[in-house]
Amino acid sequence: MDITAEDVDKAWFPPAPFGTRGYNQLQVDLFLNRVAATLEGRDTVTAADVRKVAFTLCPLGRRNGYDPAAVDSFLRLVERALVSRESAVMSTPYVATAFDHSHARTPLWRKLV
């Protein structure tokens, strides 16, 4: 599945279930803004960055955090999309330029002739 910047912008996460602590909404939103900018070519978030990101949890009793399970599953999709995007960039073949032999030494066998 190819994820676009529009998909990231439209991502919606339910609130954390009652009795659990959710991810800080501001931190999640700011990180997803960077991901969307990366997909548009304006930032450089990598799959490794998505894998390593950590959000603080809202205090217990406050119902304004995102459900961690929903955020984590969406971030796995984003990570897969960025991995495939990075591997596509890395898999382009490298074409070496032709060697210019004008500066090479004369082979020893030619000197003997």
Protein backbone atom coordinates (compact mmCIF):
# COMPACT_ATOMS: atom_id res chain seq x y z
CA MET A 1 0.00 0.00 0.00
CA ASP A 2 1.39 3.36 -1.00
CA ILE A 3 0.65 6.10 1.52
CA THR A 4 0.39 9.69 0.33
CA ALA A 5 0.76 12.95 2.21
CA GLU A 6 -3.01 13.38 1.96
CA ASP A 7 -3.53 10.02 3.69
CA VAL A 8 -1.28 11.13 6.53
CA ASP A 9 -3.06 14.49 6.81
CA LYS A 10 -6.46 12.77 6.96
CA ALA A 11 -5.40 10.18 9.54
CA TRP A 12 -7.80 10.05 12.47
CA PHE A 13 -7.11 8.30 15.76
CA PRO A 14 -9.68 7.42 18.42
CA PRO A 15 -9.16 8.56 21.99
CA ALA A 16 -7.43 6.17 24.34
CA PRO A 17 -9.75 3.65 25.97
CA PHE A 18 -11.09 4.51 29.40
CA GLY A 19 -8.56 3.76 32.12
CA THR A 20 -5.53 3.85 29.81
CA ARG A 21 -3.11 6.60 28.95
CA GLY A 22 -2.99 7.87 25.38
CA TYR A 23 -0.21 9.39 23.30
CA ASN A 24 0.24 13.16 23.47
CA GLN A 25 -1.84 14.48 20.58
CA LEU A 26 0.39 17.46 19.84
CA GLN A 27 3.51 15.31 19.55
CA VAL A 28 1.78 12.80 17.27
CA ASP A 29 0.34 15.55 15.07
CA LEU A 30 3.69 17.34 14.74
CA PHE A 31 5.48 14.11 13.79
CA LEU A 32 2.81 13.21 11.23
CA ASN A 33 3.14 16.71 9.74
CA ARG A 34 6.85 15.96 9.21
CA VAL A 35 5.97 12.60 7.64
CA ALA A 36 3.52 14.30 5.26
CA ALA A 37 6.18 16.87 4.36
CA THR A 38 8.62 14.03 3.66
CA LEU A 39 6.15 12.36 1.32
CA GLU A 40 5.83 15.69 -0.50
CA GLY A 41 9.63 16.07 -0.66
CA ARG A 42 9.94 18.89 1.87
CA ASP A 43 11.47 16.97 4.81
CA THR A 44 13.70 13.95 5.42
CA VAL A 45 11.97 11.59 7.85
CA THR A 46 13.27 8.05 7.31
CA ALA A 47 11.80 4.66 8.15
CA ALA A 48 14.34 4.42 10.96
CA ASP A 49 13.00 7.68 12.39
CA VAL A 50 9.47 6.28 12.36
CA ARG A 51 10.70 3.08 14.04
CA LYS A 52 12.48 5.03 16.81
CA VAL A 53 9.88 7.72 17.52
CA ALA A 54 8.48 7.81 21.06
CA PHE A 55 5.59 9.90 22.33
CA THR A 56 4.89 10.83 25.92
CA LEU A 57 1.73 9.53 27.53
CA CYS A 58 -0.97 11.86 28.79
CA PRO A 59 -1.58 11.86 32.55
CA LEU A 60 -3.99 9.20 33.79
CA GLY A 61 -7.53 10.49 33.98
CA ARG A 62 -7.18 12.93 31.10
CA ARG A 63 -9.11 11.74 28.08
CA ASN A 64 -7.31 13.74 25.41
CA GLY A 65 -4.68 11.28 24.23
CA TYR A 66 -4.69 9.19 21.07
CA ASP A 67 -5.15 5.43 21.33
CA PRO A 68 -1.57 4.04 21.27
CA ALA A 69 -2.60 0.89 19.39
CA ALA A 70 -4.19 2.89 16.56
CA VAL A 71 -1.22 5.26 16.28
CA ASP A 72 1.28 2.38 16.34
CA SER A 73 -0.52 0.44 13.61
CA PHE A 74 -0.67 3.53 11.40
CA LEU A 75 3.03 4.20 11.99
CA ARG A 76 3.82 0.63 10.90
CA LEU A 77 2.07 1.36 7.59
CA VAL A 78 4.01 4.61 7.25
CA GLU A 79 7.26 2.81 8.03
CA ARG A 80 6.59 0.19 5.33
CA ALA A 81 5.80 2.92 2.81
CA LEU A 82 9.02 4.77 3.63
CA VAL A 83 11.06 1.54 3.46
CA SER A 84 9.72 0.77 -0.01
CA ARG A 85 10.32 4.37 -1.06
CA GLU A 86 13.91 4.30 0.26
CA SER A 87 14.65 0.93 -1.34
CA ALA A 88 13.32 2.19 -4.68
CA VAL A 89 15.75 5.09 -4.51
CA MET A 90 18.62 2.79 -3.51
CA SER A 91 17.87 0.18 -6.18
CA THR A 92 18.46 2.47 -9.14
CA PRO A 93 21.47 1.10 -10.98
CA TYR A 94 24.73 2.98 -10.93
CA VAL A 95 26.20 3.49 -14.37
CA ALA A 96 29.93 4.07 -14.32
CA THR A 97 31.50 6.35 -16.86
CA ALA A 98 33.71 4.82 -19.53
CA PHE A 99 37.41 4.71 -18.73
CA ASP A 100 39.66 7.06 -20.60
CA HIS A 101 42.81 5.09 -21.39
CA SER A 102 44.74 8.02 -22.82
CA HIS A 103 46.55 8.57 -19.53
CA ALA A 104 47.44 4.91 -18.92
CA ARG A 105 51.00 3.69 -19.03
CA THR A 106 52.15 1.80 -22.07
CA PRO A 107 52.06 -1.93 -21.30
CA LEU A 108 55.43 -3.59 -20.79
CA TRP A 109 54.99 -6.01 -23.71
CA ARG A 110 54.55 -3.05 -26.12
CA LYS A 111 57.84 -1.52 -24.99
CA LEU A 112 59.70 -4.66 -26.00
CA VAL A 113 58.50 -4.58 -29.58
